[in-house]
């Protein structure tokens, strides 16, 4: 894990490595957690200490992009 390679899904805030998330989107243009469409341009690197870890992502939150 590299501290400056973090990102989050803009829909459900699923955290992941930016480089791996972009690579995944090259094969499948959806978030691996919420399965909502995401483009590489929507991903932004975030500092490790700003990654939000929620206990769970509800289906409503995934659809609207809101956190529970």
PDB file of N, CA and C in Angstrom:
ATOM      1  N   UNK A   1       0.837  -1.171   0.000  1.00  0.00           N
ATOM      2  CA  UNK A   1       0.000   0.000   0.000  1.00  0.00           C
ATOM      3  C   UNK A   1       0.891   1.246   0.000  1.00  0.00           C
ATOM      4  N   UNK A   2       0.533   2.191  -0.830  1.00  0.00           N
ATOM      5  CA  UNK A   2       1.283   3.434  -0.936  1.00  0.00           C
ATOM      6  C   UNK A   2       0.382   4.568  -0.467  1.00  0.00           C
ATOM      7  N   UNK A   3       0.877   5.393   0.443  1.00  0.00           N
ATOM      8  CA  UNK A   3       0.040   6.437   1.040  1.00  0.00           C
ATOM      9  C   UNK A   3      -0.548   7.410   0.034  1.00  0.00           C
ATOM     10  N   UNK A   4       0.157   7.680  -1.059  1.00  0.00           N
ATOM     11  CA  UNK A   4      -0.354   8.688  -1.997  1.00  0.00           C
ATOM     12  C   UNK A   4      -1.062   8.059  -3.198  1.00  0.00           C
ATOM     13  N   UNK A   5      -1.548   6.820  -3.051  1.00  0.00           N
ATOM     14  CA  UNK A   5      -2.221   6.134  -4.156  1.00  0.00           C
ATOM     15  C   UNK A   5      -3.651   5.722  -3.786  1.00  0.00           C
ATOM     16  N   UNK A   6      -4.284   6.453  -2.866  1.00  0.00           N
ATOM     17  CA  UNK A   6      -5.638   6.128  -2.427  1.00  0.00           C
ATOM     18  C   UNK A   6      -6.674   6.926  -3.197  1.00  0.00           C
ATOM     19  N   UNK A   7      -7.839   6.314  -3.379  1.00  0.00           N
ATOM     20  CA  UNK A   7      -8.994   6.974  -3.977  1.00  0.00           C
ATOM     21  C   UNK A   7     -10.246   6.389  -3.350  1.00  0.00           C
ATOM     22  N   UNK A   8     -11.388   6.939  -3.719  1.00  0.00           N
ATOM     23  CA  UNK A   8     -12.668   6.404  -3.274  1.00  0.00           C
ATOM     24  C   UNK A   8     -13.659   6.477  -4.422  1.00  0.00           C
ATOM     25  N   UNK A   9     -14.557   5.511  -4.475  1.00  0.00           N
ATOM     26  CA  UNK A   9     -15.617   5.548  -5.476  1.00  0.00           C
ATOM     27  C   UNK A   9     -16.453   6.804  -5.241  1.00  0.00           C
ATOM     28  N   UNK A  10     -16.725   7.570  -6.284  1.00  0.00           N
ATOM     29  CA  UNK A  10     -17.531   8.783  -6.111  1.00  0.00           C
ATOM     30  C   UNK A  10     -19.000   8.476  -5.816  1.00  0.00           C
ATOM     31  N   UNK A  11     -19.411   7.232  -5.966  1.00  0.00           N
ATOM     32  CA  UNK A  11     -20.808   6.854  -5.703  1.00  0.00           C
ATOM     33  C   UNK A  11     -21.006   6.336  -4.278  1.00  0.00           C
ATOM     34  N   UNK A  12     -20.131   5.401  -3.850  1.00  0.00           N
ATOM     35  CA  UNK A  12     -20.351   4.733  -2.557  1.00  0.00           C
ATOM     36  C   UNK A  12     -19.205   4.925  -1.566  1.00  0.00           C
ATOM     37  N   UNK A  13     -18.176   5.662  -1.922  1.00  0.00           N
ATOM     38  CA  UNK A  13     -16.975   5.925  -1.119  1.00  0.00           C
ATOM     39  C   UNK A  13     -16.141   4.669  -0.843  1.00  0.00           C
ATOM     40  N   UNK A  14     -16.324   3.612  -1.635  1.00  0.00           N
ATOM     41  CA  UNK A  14     -15.493   2.417  -1.496  1.00  0.00           C
ATOM     42  C   UNK A  14     -14.033   2.819  -1.665  1.00  0.00           C
ATOM     43  N   UNK A  15     -13.174   2.556  -0.668  1.00  0.00           N
ATOM     44  CA  UNK A  15     -11.767   2.945  -0.783  1.00  0.00           C
ATOM     45  C   UNK A  15     -10.965   1.923  -1.578  1.00  0.00           C
ATOM     46  N   UNK A  16      -9.942   2.402  -2.239  1.00  0.00           N
ATOM     47  CA  UNK A  16      -9.070   1.502  -2.979  1.00  0.00           C
ATOM     48  C   UNK A  16      -7.835   2.225  -3.463  1.00  0.00           C
ATOM     49  N   UNK A  17      -6.928   1.461  -4.021  1.00  0.00           N
ATOM     50  CA  UNK A  17      -5.737   2.059  -4.604  1.00  0.00           C
ATOM     51  C   UNK A  17      -6.109   2.686  -5.940  1.00  0.00           C
ATOM     52  N   UNK A  18      -5.732   3.932  -6.115  1.00  0.00           N
ATOM     53  CA  UNK A  18      -6.068   4.672  -7.334  1.00  0.00           C
ATOM     54  C   UNK A  18      -5.608   3.910  -8.576  1.00  0.00           C
ATOM     55  N   UNK A  19      -4.359   3.471  -8.582  1.00  0.00           N
ATOM     56  CA  UNK A  19      -3.812   2.802  -9.767  1.00  0.00           C
ATOM     57  C   UNK A  19      -4.581   1.521 -10.091  1.00  0.00           C
ATOM     58  N   UNK A  20      -4.958   0.763  -9.077  1.00  0.00           N
ATOM     59  CA  UNK A  20      -5.702  -0.473  -9.300  1.00  0.00           C
ATOM     60  C   UNK A  20      -7.146  -0.199  -9.717  1.00  0.00           C
ATOM     61  N   UNK A  21      -7.750   0.850  -9.143  1.00  0.00           N
ATOM     62  CA  UNK A  21      -9.127   1.210  -9.494  1.00  0.00           C
ATOM     63  C   UNK A  21      -9.185   1.627 -10.964  1.00  0.00           C
ATOM     64  N   UNK A  22      -8.220   2.454 -11.407  1.00  0.00           N
ATOM     65  CA  UNK A  22      -8.175   2.886 -12.809  1.00  0.00           C
ATOM     66  C   UNK A  22      -7.971   1.677 -13.721  1.00  0.00           C
ATOM     67  N   UNK A  23      -7.087   0.770 -13.332  1.00  0.00           N
ATOM     68  CA  UNK A  23      -6.863  -0.438 -14.130  1.00  0.00           C
ATOM     69  C   UNK A  23      -8.147  -1.264 -14.223  1.00  0.00           C
ATOM     70  N   UNK A  24      -8.847  -1.415 -13.114  1.00  0.00           N
ATOM     71  CA  UNK A  24     -10.117  -2.149 -13.106  1.00  0.00           C
ATOM     72  C   UNK A  24     -11.126  -1.507 -14.052  1.00  0.00           C
ATOM     73  N   UNK A  25     -11.200  -0.174 -14.034  1.00  0.00           N
ATOM     74  CA  UNK A  25     -12.165   0.525 -14.887  1.00  0.00           C
ATOM     75  C   UNK A  25     -11.854   0.343 -16.369  1.00  0.00           C
ATOM     76  N   UNK A  26     -10.615   0.022 -16.702  1.00  0.00           N
ATOM     77  CA  UNK A  26     -10.268  -0.273 -18.088  1.00  0.00           C
ATOM     78  C   UNK A  26     -10.935  -1.547 -18.594  1.00  0.00           C
ATOM     79  N   UNK A  27     -11.213  -2.462 -17.676  1.00  0.00           N
ATOM     80  CA  UNK A  27     -11.855  -3.729 -18.036  1.00  0.00           C
ATOM     81  C   UNK A  27     -13.346  -3.733 -17.736  1.00  0.00           C
ATOM     82  N   UNK A  28     -13.745  -2.989 -16.715  1.00  0.00           N
ATOM     83  CA  UNK A  28     -15.146  -2.968 -16.273  1.00  0.00           C
ATOM     84  C   UNK A  28     -15.432  -1.574 -15.737  1.00  0.00           C
ATOM     85  N   UNK A  29     -16.271  -0.817 -16.418  1.00  0.00           N
ATOM     86  CA  UNK A  29     -16.502   0.598 -16.093  1.00  0.00           C
ATOM     87  C   UNK A  29     -17.461   0.798 -14.927  1.00  0.00           C
ATOM     88  N   UNK A  30     -17.422  -0.124 -13.955  1.00  0.00           N
ATOM     89  CA  UNK A  30     -18.262   0.024 -12.769  1.00  0.00           C
ATOM     90  C   UNK A  30     -17.424  -0.170 -11.515  1.00  0.00           C
ATOM     91  N   UNK A  31     -17.909   0.391 -10.418  1.00  0.00           N
ATOM     92  CA  UNK A  31     -17.262   0.198  -9.118  1.00  0.00           C
ATOM     93  C   UNK A  31     -17.375  -1.276  -8.734  1.00  0.00           C
ATOM     94  N   UNK A  32     -16.300  -1.888  -8.233  1.00  0.00           N
ATOM     95  CA  UNK A  32     -16.372  -3.294  -7.844  1.00  0.00           C
ATOM     96  C   UNK A  32     -17.251  -3.527  -6.617  1.00  0.00           C
ATOM     97  N   UNK A  33     -17.569  -2.472  -5.870  1.00  0.00           N
ATOM     98  CA  UNK A  33     -18.412  -2.633  -4.688  1.00  0.00           C
ATOM     99  C   UNK A  33     -19.884  -2.371  -5.007  1.00  0.00           C
ATOM    100  N   UNK A  34     -20.199  -1.181  -5.529  1.00  0.00           N
ATOM    101  CA  UNK A  34     -21.607  -0.805  -5.728  1.00  0.00           C
ATOM    102  C   UNK A  34     -22.103  -1.079  -7.144  1.00  0.00           C
ATOM    103  N   UNK A  35     -21.198  -1.406  -8.048  1.00  0.00           N
ATOM    104  CA  UNK A  35     -21.508  -1.721  -9.443  1.00  0.00           C
ATOM    105  C   UNK A  35     -22.157  -0.564 -10.208  1.00  0.00           C
ATOM    106  N   UNK A  36     -21.975   0.665  -9.722  1.00  0.00           N
ATOM    107  CA  UNK A  36     -22.463   1.842 -10.429  1.00  0.00           C
ATOM    108  C   UNK A  36     -21.398   2.280 -11.436  1.00  0.00           C
ATOM    109  N   UNK A  37     -21.804   2.898 -12.547  1.00  0.00           N
ATOM    110  CA  UNK A  37     -20.824   3.360 -13.542  1.00  0.00           C
ATOM    111  C   UNK A  37     -19.874   4.408 -12.953  1.00  0.00           C
ATOM    112  N   UNK A  38     -18.600   4.269 -13.254  1.00  0.00           N
ATOM    113  CA  UNK A  38     -17.565   5.208 -12.811  1.00  0.00           C
ATOM    114  C   UNK A  38     -16.575   5.361 -13.960  1.00  0.00           C
ATOM    115  N   UNK A  39     -16.128   6.584 -14.202  1.00  0.00           N
ATOM    116  CA  UNK A  39     -15.088   6.812 -15.200  1.00  0.00           C
ATOM    117  C   UNK A  39     -13.787   7.156 -14.482  1.00  0.00           C
ATOM    118  N   UNK A  40     -12.644   6.871 -15.092  1.00  0.00           N
ATOM    119  CA  UNK A  40     -11.377   7.236 -14.464  1.00  0.00           C
ATOM    120  C   UNK A  40     -11.286   8.727 -14.134  1.00  0.00           C
ATOM    121  N   UNK A  41     -11.909   9.577 -14.952  1.00  0.00           N
ATOM    122  CA  UNK A  41     -11.867  11.023 -14.705  1.00  0.00           C
ATOM    123  C   UNK A  41     -12.575  11.406 -13.411  1.00  0.00           C
ATOM    124  N   UNK A  42     -13.489  10.567 -12.940  1.00  0.00           N
ATOM    125  CA  UNK A  42     -14.210  10.854 -11.698  1.00  0.00           C
ATOM    126  C   UNK A  42     -13.406  10.498 -10.455  1.00  0.00           C
ATOM    127  N   UNK A  43     -12.366   9.705 -10.610  1.00  0.00           N
ATOM    128  CA  UNK A  43     -11.546   9.314  -9.468  1.00  0.00           C
ATOM    129  C   UNK A  43     -10.522  10.395  -9.167  1.00  0.00           C
ATOM    130  N   UNK A  44     -10.335  10.652  -7.900  1.00  0.00           N
ATOM    131  CA  UNK A  44      -9.343  11.627  -7.456  1.00  0.00           C
ATOM    132  C   UNK A  44      -8.535  11.000  -6.336  1.00  0.00           C
ATOM    133  N   UNK A  45      -7.245  11.214  -6.372  1.00  0.00           N
ATOM    134  CA  UNK A  45      -6.409  10.718  -5.282  1.00  0.00           C
ATOM    135  C   UNK A  45      -6.749  11.488  -4.012  1.00  0.00           C
ATOM    136  N   UNK A  46      -6.819  10.761  -2.901  1.00  0.00           N
ATOM    137  CA  UNK A  46      -7.073  11.379  -1.604  1.00  0.00           C
ATOM    138  C   UNK A  46      -5.982  10.929  -0.641  1.00  0.00           C
ATOM    139  N   UNK A  47      -5.603  11.798   0.295  1.00  0.00           N
ATOM    140  CA  UNK A  47      -4.617  11.380   1.292  1.00  0.00           C
ATOM    141  C   UNK A  47      -5.158  10.201   2.102  1.00  0.00           C
ATOM    142  N   UNK A  48      -4.273   9.306   2.487  1.00  0.00           N
ATOM    143  CA  UNK A  48      -4.670   8.111   3.236  1.00  0.00           C
ATOM    144  C   UNK A  48      -5.514   8.463   4.457  1.00  0.00           C
ATOM    145  N   UNK A  49      -5.177   9.545   5.140  1.00  0.00           N
ATOM    146  CA  UNK A  49      -5.904   9.900   6.354  1.00  0.00           C
ATOM    147  C   UNK A  49      -7.277  10.505   6.073  1.00  0.00           C
ATOM    148  N   UNK A  50      -7.628  10.721   4.797  1.00  0.00           N
ATOM    149  CA  UNK A  50      -8.952  11.223   4.457  1.00  0.00           C
ATOM    150  C   UNK A  50      -9.863  10.131   3.904  1.00  0.00           C
ATOM    151  N   UNK A  51      -9.370   8.897   3.834  1.00  0.00           N
ATOM    152  CA  UNK A  51     -10.190   7.789   3.354  1.00  0.00           C
ATOM    153  C   UNK A  51     -11.253   7.503   4.401  1.00  0.00           C
ATOM    154  N   UNK A  52     -12.500   7.455   3.958  1.00  0.00           N
ATOM    155  CA  UNK A  52     -13.620   7.222   4.860  1.00  0.00           C
ATOM    156  C   UNK A  52     -13.972   5.745   4.813  1.00  0.00           C
ATOM    157  N   UNK A  53     -13.938   5.106   5.967  1.00  0.00           N
ATOM    158  CA  UNK A  53     -14.305   3.703   6.058  1.00  0.00           C
ATOM    159  C   UNK A  53     -15.632   3.608   6.794  1.00  0.00           C
ATOM    160  N   UNK A  54     -16.692   3.305   6.065  1.00  0.00           N
ATOM    161  CA  UNK A  54     -18.006   3.121   6.660  1.00  0.00           C
ATOM    162  C   UNK A  54     -18.162   1.667   7.061  1.00  0.00           C
ATOM    163  N   UNK A  55     -19.030   1.429   8.043  1.00  0.00           N
ATOM    164  CA  UNK A  55     -19.299   0.059   8.462  1.00  0.00           C
ATOM    165  C   UNK A  55     -19.956  -0.736   7.347  1.00  0.00           C
ATOM    166  N   UNK A  56     -20.847  -0.080   6.602  1.00  0.00           N
ATOM    167  CA  UNK A  56     -21.520  -0.759   5.509  1.00  0.00           C
ATOM    168  C   UNK A  56     -21.997   0.263   4.497  1.00  0.00           C
ATOM    169  N   UNK A  57     -22.238  -0.197   3.304  1.00  0.00           N
ATOM    170  CA  UNK A  57     -22.812   0.641   2.258  1.00  0.00           C
ATOM    171  C   UNK A  57     -24.188   0.080   1.973  1.00  0.00           C
ATOM    172  N   UNK A  58     -25.208   0.893   2.169  1.00  0.00           N
ATOM    173  CA  UNK A  58     -26.564   0.439   1.904  1.00  0.00           C
ATOM    174  C   UNK A  58     -26.859   0.571   0.423  1.00  0.00           C
ATOM    175  N   UNK A  59     -27.791  -0.226  -0.111  1.00  0.00           N
ATOM    176  CA  UNK A  59     -28.125  -0.098  -1.539  1.00  0.00           C
ATOM    177  C   UNK A  59     -28.559   1.315  -1.914  1.00  0.00           C
ATOM    178  N   UNK A  60     -29.325   1.984  -1.041  1.00  0.00           N
ATOM    179  CA  UNK A  60     -29.751   3.350  -1.332  1.00  0.00           C
ATOM    180  C   UNK A  60     -28.557   4.285  -1.420  1.00  0.00           C
ATOM    181  N   UNK A  61     -27.592   4.126  -0.536  1.00  0.00           N
ATOM    182  CA  UNK A  61     -26.411   4.987  -0.549  1.00  0.00           C
ATOM    183  C   UNK A  61     -25.600   4.759  -1.810  1.00  0.00           C
ATOM    184  N   UNK A  62     -25.509   3.517  -2.242  1.00  0.00           N
ATOM    185  CA  UNK A  62     -24.748   3.213  -3.455  1.00  0.00           C
ATOM    186  C   UNK A  62     -25.412   3.833  -4.676  1.00  0.00           C
ATOM    187  N   UNK A  63     -26.737   3.836  -4.707  1.00  0.00           N
ATOM    188  CA  UNK A  63     -27.449   4.392  -5.855  1.00  0.00           C
ATOM    189  C   UNK A  63     -27.379   5.908  -5.899  1.00  0.00           C
ATOM    190  N   UNK A  64     -27.375   6.553  -4.739  1.00  0.00           N
ATOM    191  CA  UNK A  64     -27.390   8.014  -4.709  1.00  0.00           C
ATOM    192  C   UNK A  64     -26.010   8.606  -4.535  1.00  0.00           C
ATOM    193  N   UNK A  65     -25.048   7.766  -4.130  1.00  0.00           N
ATOM    194  CA  UNK A  65     -23.710   8.275  -3.885  1.00  0.00           C
ATOM    195  C   UNK A  65     -23.547   8.832  -2.489  1.00  0.00           C
ATOM    196  N   UNK A  66     -24.550   8.657  -1.631  1.00  0.00           N
ATOM    197  CA  UNK A  66     -24.500   9.172  -0.266  1.00  0.00           C
ATOM    198  C   UNK A  66     -23.948   8.111   0.669  1.00  0.00           C
ATOM    199  N   UNK A  67     -23.364   8.545   1.755  1.00  0.00           N
ATOM    200  CA  UNK A  67     -22.907   7.634   2.791  1.00  0.00           C
ATOM    201  C   UNK A  67     -24.054   7.373   3.747  1.00  0.00           C
ATOM    202  N   UNK A  68     -24.085   6.202   4.397  1.00  0.00           N
ATOM    203  CA  UNK A  68     -25.163   5.906   5.350  1.00  0.00           C
ATOM    204  C   UNK A  68     -25.108   6.807   6.556  1.00  0.00           C
TER     205      UNK A  68
END
